[in-house]
């Protein structure tokens, strides 16, 4: 009998979570959103240190990234004419 590859096991596990319905899909969407927020926050704090420092460091940038993920514009307090690290969020 052929051995099952890890990729096949992971695919089966993912498909089994999708079979659980809408809550599982929302959970995966939330996980993907958190991964995106962490990735953008890490990139901003690494490559735009001045802007990150002005916005409260890692927690401040993470908060702004979260707000932009939820509602790009209204909650985050976007002002016209400001084009710093925030330009990567559109």
PDB file of N, CA and C in Angstrom:
ATOM      1  N   UNK A   1       0.843  -1.175   0.000  1.00  0.00           N
ATOM      2  CA  UNK A   1       0.000   0.000   0.000  1.00  0.00           C
ATOM      3  C   UNK A   1       0.891   1.242   0.000  1.00  0.00           C
ATOM      4  N   UNK A   2       0.538   2.231  -0.804  1.00  0.00           N
ATOM      5  CA  UNK A   2       1.329   3.456  -0.909  1.00  0.00           C
ATOM      6  C   UNK A   2       1.119   4.326   0.324  1.00  0.00           C
ATOM      7  N   UNK A   3       2.192   4.979   0.721  1.00  0.00           N
ATOM      8  CA  UNK A   3       2.107   5.874   1.881  1.00  0.00           C
ATOM      9  C   UNK A   3       1.417   7.170   1.487  1.00  0.00           C
ATOM     10  N   UNK A   4       0.690   7.725   2.401  1.00  0.00           N
ATOM     11  CA  UNK A   4       0.009   8.982   2.165  1.00  0.00           C
ATOM     12  C   UNK A   4       0.988  10.129   2.376  1.00  0.00           C
ATOM     13  N   UNK A   5       1.034  11.033   1.418  1.00  0.00           N
ATOM     14  CA  UNK A   5       1.931  12.176   1.530  1.00  0.00           C
ATOM     15  C   UNK A   5       1.373  13.196   2.523  1.00  0.00           C
ATOM     16  N   UNK A   6       2.282  13.986   3.079  1.00  0.00           N
ATOM     17  CA  UNK A   6       1.880  15.026   4.031  1.00  0.00           C
ATOM     18  C   UNK A   6       0.951  16.028   3.357  1.00  0.00           C
ATOM     19  N   UNK A   7       1.230  16.344   2.107  1.00  0.00           N
ATOM     20  CA  UNK A   7       0.391  17.287   1.386  1.00  0.00           C
ATOM     21  C   UNK A   7      -1.044  16.776   1.280  1.00  0.00           C
ATOM     22  N   UNK A   8      -1.192  15.499   1.006  1.00  0.00           N
ATOM     23  CA  UNK A   8      -2.532  14.913   0.917  1.00  0.00           C
ATOM     24  C   UNK A   8      -3.249  14.932   2.259  1.00  0.00           C
ATOM     25  N   UNK A   9      -2.507  14.684   3.322  1.00  0.00           N
ATOM     26  CA  UNK A   9      -3.111  14.726   4.665  1.00  0.00           C
ATOM     27  C   UNK A   9      -3.574  16.140   5.014  1.00  0.00           C
ATOM     28  N   UNK A  10      -2.728  17.131   4.707  1.00  0.00           N
ATOM     29  CA  UNK A  10      -3.103  18.526   4.993  1.00  0.00           C
ATOM     30  C   UNK A  10      -4.296  18.960   4.153  1.00  0.00           C
ATOM     31  N   UNK A  11      -4.323  18.542   2.902  1.00  0.00           N
ATOM     32  CA  UNK A  11      -5.461  18.884   2.048  1.00  0.00           C
ATOM     33  C   UNK A  11      -6.743  18.255   2.585  1.00  0.00           C
ATOM     34  N   UNK A  12      -6.674  17.003   3.022  1.00  0.00           N
ATOM     35  CA  UNK A  12      -7.836  16.327   3.599  1.00  0.00           C
ATOM     36  C   UNK A  12      -8.286  17.029   4.880  1.00  0.00           C
ATOM     37  N   UNK A  13      -7.325  17.426   5.715  1.00  0.00           N
ATOM     38  CA  UNK A  13      -7.659  18.118   6.959  1.00  0.00           C
ATOM     39  C   UNK A  13      -8.344  19.457   6.661  1.00  0.00           C
ATOM     40  N   UNK A  14      -7.805  20.206   5.676  1.00  0.00           N
ATOM     41  CA  UNK A  14      -8.407  21.484   5.308  1.00  0.00           C
ATOM     42  C   UNK A  14      -9.811  21.277   4.759  1.00  0.00           C
ATOM     43  N   UNK A  15      -9.974  20.302   3.883  1.00  0.00           N
ATOM     44  CA  UNK A  15     -11.301  20.012   3.338  1.00  0.00           C
ATOM     45  C   UNK A  15     -12.285  19.587   4.428  1.00  0.00           C
ATOM     46  N   UNK A  16     -11.800  18.847   5.402  1.00  0.00           N
ATOM     47  CA  UNK A  16     -12.663  18.438   6.513  1.00  0.00           C
ATOM     48  C   UNK A  16     -13.107  19.640   7.333  1.00  0.00           C
ATOM     49  N   UNK A  17     -12.230  20.649   7.490  1.00  0.00           N
ATOM     50  CA  UNK A  17     -12.658  21.856   8.216  1.00  0.00           C
ATOM     51  C   UNK A  17     -13.667  22.654   7.402  1.00  0.00           C
ATOM     52  N   UNK A  18     -13.521  22.652   6.078  1.00  0.00           N
ATOM     53  CA  UNK A  18     -14.483  23.364   5.234  1.00  0.00           C
ATOM     54  C   UNK A  18     -15.853  22.681   5.258  1.00  0.00           C
ATOM     55  N   UNK A  19     -15.877  21.382   5.494  1.00  0.00           N
ATOM     56  CA  UNK A  19     -17.152  20.658   5.571  1.00  0.00           C
ATOM     57  C   UNK A  19     -17.963  21.052   6.800  1.00  0.00           C
ATOM     58  N   UNK A  20     -17.335  21.719   7.733  1.00  0.00           N
ATOM     59  CA  UNK A  20     -18.045  22.106   8.963  1.00  0.00           C
ATOM     60  C   UNK A  20     -18.936  23.326   8.769  1.00  0.00           C
ATOM     61  N   UNK A  21     -18.888  23.945   7.600  1.00  0.00           N
ATOM     62  CA  UNK A  21     -19.826  25.008   7.276  1.00  0.00           C
ATOM     63  C   UNK A  21     -19.285  26.415   7.426  1.00  0.00           C
ATOM     64  N   UNK A  22     -20.211  27.330   7.555  1.00  0.00           N
ATOM     65  CA  UNK A  22     -19.904  28.752   7.584  1.00  0.00           C
ATOM     66  C   UNK A  22     -18.983  29.157   8.735  1.00  0.00           C
ATOM     67  N   UNK A  23     -19.151  28.653   9.948  1.00  0.00           N
ATOM     68  CA  UNK A  23     -18.225  29.050  11.017  1.00  0.00           C
ATOM     69  C   UNK A  23     -16.762  28.712  10.703  1.00  0.00           C
ATOM     70  N   UNK A  24     -16.536  27.591  10.058  1.00  0.00           N
ATOM     71  CA  UNK A  24     -15.166  27.228   9.693  1.00  0.00           C
ATOM     72  C   UNK A  24     -14.617  28.183   8.646  1.00  0.00           C
ATOM     73  N   UNK A  25     -15.440  28.549   7.684  1.00  0.00           N
ATOM     74  CA  UNK A  25     -15.014  29.490   6.650  1.00  0.00           C
ATOM     75  C   UNK A  25     -14.695  30.852   7.253  1.00  0.00           C
ATOM     76  N   UNK A  26     -15.518  31.307   8.170  1.00  0.00           N
ATOM     77  CA  UNK A  26     -15.268  32.578   8.849  1.00  0.00           C
ATOM     78  C   UNK A  26     -13.999  32.492   9.685  1.00  0.00           C
ATOM     79  N   UNK A  27     -13.766  31.352  10.312  1.00  0.00           N
ATOM     80  CA  UNK A  27     -12.534  31.167  11.076  1.00  0.00           C
ATOM     81  C   UNK A  27     -11.292  31.248  10.207  1.00  0.00           C
ATOM     82  N   UNK A  28     -11.320  30.594   9.032  1.00  0.00           N
ATOM     83  CA  UNK A  28     -10.180  30.670   8.117  1.00  0.00           C
ATOM     84  C   UNK A  28      -9.994  32.094   7.598  1.00  0.00           C
ATOM     85  N   UNK A  29     -11.078  32.799   7.343  1.00  0.00           N
ATOM     86  CA  UNK A  29     -10.985  34.191   6.901  1.00  0.00           C
ATOM     87  C   UNK A  29     -10.357  35.059   7.980  1.00  0.00           C
ATOM     88  N   UNK A  30     -10.742  34.835   9.231  1.00  0.00           N
ATOM     89  CA  UNK A  30     -10.140  35.570  10.343  1.00  0.00           C
ATOM     90  C   UNK A  30      -8.661  35.271  10.487  1.00  0.00           C
ATOM     91  N   UNK A  31      -8.295  34.013  10.326  1.00  0.00           N
ATOM     92  CA  UNK A  31      -6.882  33.632  10.400  1.00  0.00           C
ATOM     93  C   UNK A  31      -6.080  34.274   9.276  1.00  0.00           C
ATOM     94  N   UNK A  32      -6.632  34.300   8.077  1.00  0.00           N
ATOM     95  CA  UNK A  32      -5.955  34.945   6.953  1.00  0.00           C
ATOM     96  C   UNK A  32      -5.811  36.449   7.190  1.00  0.00           C
ATOM     97  N   UNK A  33      -6.828  37.071   7.778  1.00  0.00           N
ATOM     98  CA  UNK A  33      -6.762  38.503   8.080  1.00  0.00           C
ATOM     99  C   UNK A  33      -5.681  38.800   9.106  1.00  0.00           C
ATOM    100  N   UNK A  34      -5.601  37.993  10.146  1.00  0.00           N
ATOM    101  CA  UNK A  34      -4.561  38.180  11.166  1.00  0.00           C
ATOM    102  C   UNK A  34      -3.175  38.001  10.552  1.00  0.00           C
ATOM    103  N   UNK A  35      -3.013  37.007   9.688  1.00  0.00           N
ATOM    104  CA  UNK A  35      -1.720  36.792   9.027  1.00  0.00           C
ATOM    105  C   UNK A  35      -1.343  37.985   8.164  1.00  0.00           C
ATOM    106  N   UNK A  36      -2.308  38.560   7.450  1.00  0.00           N
ATOM    107  CA  UNK A  36      -2.043  39.732   6.624  1.00  0.00           C
ATOM    108  C   UNK A  36      -1.667  40.936   7.474  1.00  0.00           C
ATOM    109  N   UNK A  37      -2.371  41.142   8.571  1.00  0.00           N
ATOM    110  CA  UNK A  37      -2.082  42.269   9.458  1.00  0.00           C
ATOM    111  C   UNK A  37      -0.684  42.142  10.047  1.00  0.00           C
ATOM    112  N   UNK A  38      -0.317  40.953  10.493  1.00  0.00           N
ATOM    113  CA  UNK A  38       1.014  40.738  11.072  1.00  0.00           C
ATOM    114  C   UNK A  38       2.100  40.950  10.020  1.00  0.00           C
ATOM    115  N   UNK A  39       1.876  40.465   8.805  1.00  0.00           N
ATOM    116  CA  UNK A  39       2.870  40.619   7.741  1.00  0.00           C
ATOM    117  C   UNK A  39       3.078  42.087   7.375  1.00  0.00           C
ATOM    118  N   UNK A  40       1.990  42.833   7.213  1.00  0.00           N
ATOM    119  CA  UNK A  40       2.098  44.252   6.859  1.00  0.00           C
ATOM    120  C   UNK A  40       2.739  45.026   7.998  1.00  0.00           C
ATOM    121  N   UNK A  41       2.367  44.728   9.227  1.00  0.00           N
ATOM    122  CA  UNK A  41       2.951  45.407  10.379  1.00  0.00           C
ATOM    123  C   UNK A  41       4.454  45.155  10.451  1.00  0.00           C
ATOM    124  N   UNK A  42       4.868  43.922  10.227  1.00  0.00           N
ATOM    125  CA  UNK A  42       6.293  43.599  10.268  1.00  0.00           C
ATOM    126  C   UNK A  42       7.046  44.332   9.171  1.00  0.00           C
ATOM    127  N   UNK A  43       6.494  44.372   7.965  1.00  0.00           N
ATOM    128  CA  UNK A  43       7.162  45.066   6.867  1.00  0.00           C
ATOM    129  C   UNK A  43       7.276  46.561   7.127  1.00  0.00           C
ATOM    130  N   UNK A  44       6.219  47.151   7.641  1.00  0.00           N
ATOM    131  CA  UNK A  44       6.248  48.592   7.918  1.00  0.00           C
ATOM    132  C   UNK A  44       7.261  48.917   9.011  1.00  0.00           C
ATOM    133  N   UNK A  45       7.281  48.134  10.072  1.00  0.00           N
ATOM    134  CA  UNK A  45       8.224  48.430  11.155  1.00  0.00           C
ATOM    135  C   UNK A  45       9.667  48.177  10.729  1.00  0.00           C
ATOM    136  N   UNK A  46       9.892  47.301   9.771  1.00  0.00           N
ATOM    137  CA  UNK A  46      11.250  47.052   9.293  1.00  0.00           C
ATOM    138  C   UNK A  46      11.727  48.106   8.300  1.00  0.00           C
ATOM    139  N   UNK A  47      10.854  48.517   7.384  1.00  0.00           N
ATOM    140  CA  UNK A  47      11.283  49.373   6.291  1.00  0.00           C
ATOM    141  C   UNK A  47      10.894  50.838   6.442  1.00  0.00           C
ATOM    142  N   UNK A  48      10.006  51.183   7.325  1.00  0.00           N
ATOM    143  CA  UNK A  48       9.592  52.575   7.544  1.00  0.00           C
ATOM    144  C   UNK A  48       9.650  52.866   9.039  1.00  0.00           C
ATOM    145  N   UNK A  49      10.839  52.793   9.570  1.00  0.00           N
ATOM    146  CA  UNK A  49      11.004  52.946  11.023  1.00  0.00           C
ATOM    147  C   UNK A  49      10.534  54.310  11.529  1.00  0.00           C
ATOM    148  N   UNK A  50      10.802  55.373  10.768  1.00  0.00           N
ATOM    149  CA  UNK A  50      10.396  56.712  11.208  1.00  0.00           C
ATOM    150  C   UNK A  50       8.864  56.810  11.312  1.00  0.00           C
ATOM    151  N   UNK A  51       8.183  56.366  10.264  1.00  0.00           N
ATOM    152  CA  UNK A  51       6.715  56.400  10.290  1.00  0.00           C
ATOM    153  C   UNK A  51       6.152  55.482  11.360  1.00  0.00           C
ATOM    154  N   UNK A  52       6.787  54.338  11.533  1.00  0.00           N
ATOM    155  CA  UNK A  52       6.313  53.406  12.563  1.00  0.00           C
ATOM    156  C   UNK A  52       6.488  54.012  13.946  1.00  0.00           C
ATOM    157  N   UNK A  53       7.605  54.703  14.168  1.00  0.00           N
ATOM    158  CA  UNK A  53       7.834  55.348  15.456  1.00  0.00           C
ATOM    159  C   UNK A  53       6.842  56.455  15.737  1.00  0.00           C
ATOM    160  N   UNK A  54       6.478  57.193  14.686  1.00  0.00           N
ATOM    161  CA  UNK A  54       5.511  58.287  14.848  1.00  0.00           C
ATOM    162  C   UNK A  54       4.100  57.772  15.138  1.00  0.00           C
ATOM    163  N   UNK A  55       3.840  56.538  14.783  1.00  0.00           N
ATOM    164  CA  UNK A  55       2.498  55.976  14.958  1.00  0.00           C
ATOM    165  C   UNK A  55       2.415  54.981  16.100  1.00  0.00           C
ATOM    166  N   UNK A  56       3.344  55.017  17.021  1.00  0.00           N
ATOM    167  CA  UNK A  56       3.252  54.181  18.213  1.00  0.00           C
ATOM    168  C   UNK A  56       3.996  52.862  18.132  1.00  0.00           C
ATOM    169  N   UNK A  57       4.913  52.733  17.194  1.00  0.00           N
ATOM    170  CA  UNK A  57       5.689  51.502  17.099  1.00  0.00           C
ATOM    171  C   UNK A  57       4.854  50.340  16.575  1.00  0.00           C
ATOM    172  N   UNK A  58       5.280  49.122  16.933  1.00  0.00           N
ATOM    173  CA  UNK A  58       4.615  47.930  16.422  1.00  0.00           C
ATOM    174  C   UNK A  58       3.136  47.872  16.806  1.00  0.00           C
ATOM    175  N   UNK A  59       2.770  48.144  18.077  1.00  0.00           N
ATOM    176  CA  UNK A  59       1.333  48.088  18.414  1.00  0.00           C
ATOM    177  C   UNK A  59       0.502  49.121  17.659  1.00  0.00           C
ATOM    178  N   UNK A  60       1.044  50.318  17.482  1.00  0.00           N
ATOM    179  CA  UNK A  60       0.310  51.352  16.759  1.00  0.00           C
ATOM    180  C   UNK A  60       0.108  51.014  15.298  1.00  0.00           C
ATOM    181  N   UNK A  61       1.149  50.490  14.681  1.00  0.00           N
ATOM    182  CA  UNK A  61       1.044  50.100  13.274  1.00  0.00           C
ATOM    183  C   UNK A  61       0.095  48.914  13.120  1.00  0.00           C
ATOM    184  N   UNK A  62       0.153  47.976  14.052  1.00  0.00           N
ATOM    185  CA  UNK A  62      -0.773  46.836  13.999  1.00  0.00           C
ATOM    186  C   UNK A  62      -2.218  47.319  14.140  1.00  0.00           C
ATOM    187  N   UNK A  63      -2.445  48.280  15.009  1.00  0.00           N
ATOM    188  CA  UNK A  63      -3.798  48.821  15.195  1.00  0.00           C
ATOM    189  C   UNK A  63      -4.278  49.510  13.924  1.00  0.00           C
ATOM    190  N   UNK A  64      -3.402  50.317  13.306  1.00  0.00           N
ATOM    191  CA  UNK A  64      -3.784  50.992  12.069  1.00  0.00           C
ATOM    192  C   UNK A  64      -4.041  49.969  10.951  1.00  0.00           C
ATOM    193  N   UNK A  65      -3.243  48.927  10.895  1.00  0.00           N
ATOM    194  CA  UNK A  65      -3.453  47.887   9.880  1.00  0.00           C
ATOM    195  C   UNK A  65      -4.777  47.178  10.106  1.00  0.00           C
ATOM    196  N   UNK A  66      -5.113  46.910  11.368  1.00  0.00           N
ATOM    197  CA  UNK A  66      -6.393  46.286  11.688  1.00  0.00           C
ATOM    198  C   UNK A  66      -7.550  47.184  11.258  1.00  0.00           C
ATOM    199  N   UNK A  67      -7.444  48.473  11.555  1.00  0.00           N
ATOM    200  CA  UNK A  67      -8.514  49.385  11.181  1.00  0.00           C
ATOM    201  C   UNK A  67      -8.654  49.485   9.669  1.00  0.00           C
ATOM    202  N   UNK A  68      -7.552  49.480   8.963  1.00  0.00           N
ATOM    203  CA  UNK A  68      -7.605  49.544   7.497  1.00  0.00           C
ATOM    204  C   UNK A  68      -8.143  48.244   6.909  1.00  0.00           C
ATOM    205  N   UNK A  69      -7.921  47.143   7.584  1.00  0.00           N
ATOM    206  CA  UNK A  69      -8.475  45.884   7.114  1.00  0.00           C
ATOM    207  C   UNK A  69      -9.990  45.879   7.283  1.00  0.00           C
ATOM    208  N   UNK A  70     -10.468  46.410   8.403  1.00  0.00           N
ATOM    209  CA  UNK A  70     -11.907  46.440   8.659  1.00  0.00           C
ATOM    210  C   UNK A  70     -12.631  47.482   7.817  1.00  0.00           C
ATOM    211  N   UNK A  71     -12.057  48.686   7.735  1.00  0.00           N
ATOM    212  CA  UNK A  71     -12.710  49.785   7.027  1.00  0.00           C
ATOM    213  C   UNK A  71     -11.640  50.735   6.507  1.00  0.00           C
ATOM    214  N   UNK A  72     -11.241  50.618   5.254  1.00  0.00           N
ATOM    215  CA  UNK A  72     -10.158  51.439   4.738  1.00  0.00           C
ATOM    216  C   UNK A  72     -10.569  52.894   4.543  1.00  0.00           C
ATOM    217  N   UNK A  73     -10.381  53.696   5.561  1.00  0.00           N
ATOM    218  CA  UNK A  73     -10.646  55.118   5.414  1.00  0.00           C
ATOM    219  C   UNK A  73     -11.302  55.759   6.603  1.00  0.00           C
ATOM    220  N   UNK A  74     -12.496  55.368   6.928  1.00  0.00           N
ATOM    221  CA  UNK A  74     -13.281  56.075   7.918  1.00  0.00           C
ATOM    222  C   UNK A  74     -12.708  55.947   9.322  1.00  0.00           C
ATOM    223  N   UNK A  75     -12.510  54.731   9.812  1.00  0.00           N
ATOM    224  CA  UNK A  75     -12.033  54.538  11.181  1.00  0.00           C
ATOM    225  C   UNK A  75     -10.584  54.935  11.357  1.00  0.00           C
ATOM    226  N   UNK A  76      -9.797  54.739  10.338  1.00  0.00           N
ATOM    227  CA  UNK A  76      -8.359  54.957  10.459  1.00  0.00           C
ATOM    228  C   UNK A  76      -7.993  56.437  10.455  1.00  0.00           C
ATOM    229  N   UNK A  77      -8.925  57.300  10.197  1.00  0.00           N
ATOM    230  CA  UNK A  77      -8.645  58.727  10.237  1.00  0.00           C
ATOM    231  C   UNK A  77      -7.776  59.191   9.086  1.00  0.00           C
ATOM    232  N   UNK A  78      -8.069  58.742   7.890  1.00  0.00           N
ATOM    233  CA  UNK A  78      -7.287  59.130   6.729  1.00  0.00           C
ATOM    234  C   UNK A  78      -7.485  60.608   6.455  1.00  0.00           C
ATOM    235  N   UNK A  79      -6.364  61.276   6.236  1.00  0.00           N
ATOM    236  CA  UNK A  79      -6.407  62.697   5.893  1.00  0.00           C
ATOM    237  C   UNK A  79      -5.828  62.874   4.498  1.00  0.00           C
ATOM    238  N   UNK A  80      -6.401  63.761   3.745  1.00  0.00           N
ATOM    239  CA  UNK A  80      -5.910  64.011   2.388  1.00  0.00           C
ATOM    240  C   UNK A  80      -4.519  64.638   2.454  1.00  0.00           C
ATOM    241  N   UNK A  81      -3.676  64.256   1.526  1.00  0.00           N
ATOM    242  CA  UNK A  81      -2.343  64.842   1.454  1.00  0.00           C
ATOM    243  C   UNK A  81      -1.273  64.071   2.196  1.00  0.00           C
ATOM    244  N   UNK A  82      -1.641  63.080   2.980  1.00  0.00           N
ATOM    245  CA  UNK A  82      -0.644  62.276   3.703  1.00  0.00           C
ATOM    246  C   UNK A  82      -0.333  61.040   2.885  1.00  0.00           C
ATOM    247  N   UNK A  83       0.892  60.940   2.470  1.00  0.00           N
ATOM    248  CA  UNK A  83       1.286  59.792   1.650  1.00  0.00           C
ATOM    249  C   UNK A  83       2.580  59.225   2.208  1.00  0.00           C
ATOM    250  N   UNK A  84       2.481  58.512   3.283  1.00  0.00           N
ATOM    251  CA  UNK A  84       3.665  57.879   3.859  1.00  0.00           C
ATOM    252  C   UNK A  84       3.518  56.377   3.707  1.00  0.00           C
ATOM    253  N   UNK A  85       3.764  55.611   4.745  1.00  0.00           N
ATOM    254  CA  UNK A  85       3.652  54.162   4.674  1.00  0.00           C
ATOM    255  C   UNK A  85       2.224  53.723   4.408  1.00  0.00           C
ATOM    256  N   UNK A  86       1.282  54.599   4.628  1.00  0.00           N
ATOM    257  CA  UNK A  86      -0.124  54.242   4.436  1.00  0.00           C
ATOM    258  C   UNK A  86      -0.461  54.003   2.965  1.00  0.00           C
ATOM    259  N   UNK A  87       0.405  54.485   2.078  1.00  0.00           N
ATOM    260  CA  UNK A  87       0.126  54.290   0.655  1.00  0.00           C
ATOM    261  C   UNK A  87       0.166  52.819   0.259  1.00  0.00           C
ATOM    262  N   UNK A  88       0.801  51.975   1.068  1.00  0.00           N
ATOM    263  CA  UNK A  88       0.847  50.547   0.731  1.00  0.00           C
ATOM    264  C   UNK A  88      -0.446  49.855   1.103  1.00  0.00           C
ATOM    265  N   UNK A  89      -1.391  50.539   1.708  1.00  0.00           N
ATOM    266  CA  UNK A  89      -2.608  49.877   2.148  1.00  0.00           C
ATOM    267  C   UNK A  89      -3.759  49.994   1.166  1.00  0.00           C
ATOM    268  N   UNK A  90      -3.571  50.624   0.030  1.00  0.00           N
ATOM    269  CA  UNK A  90      -4.657  50.661  -0.939  1.00  0.00           C
ATOM    270  C   UNK A  90      -4.425  49.645  -1.942  1.00  0.00           C
TER     271      UNK A  90
END
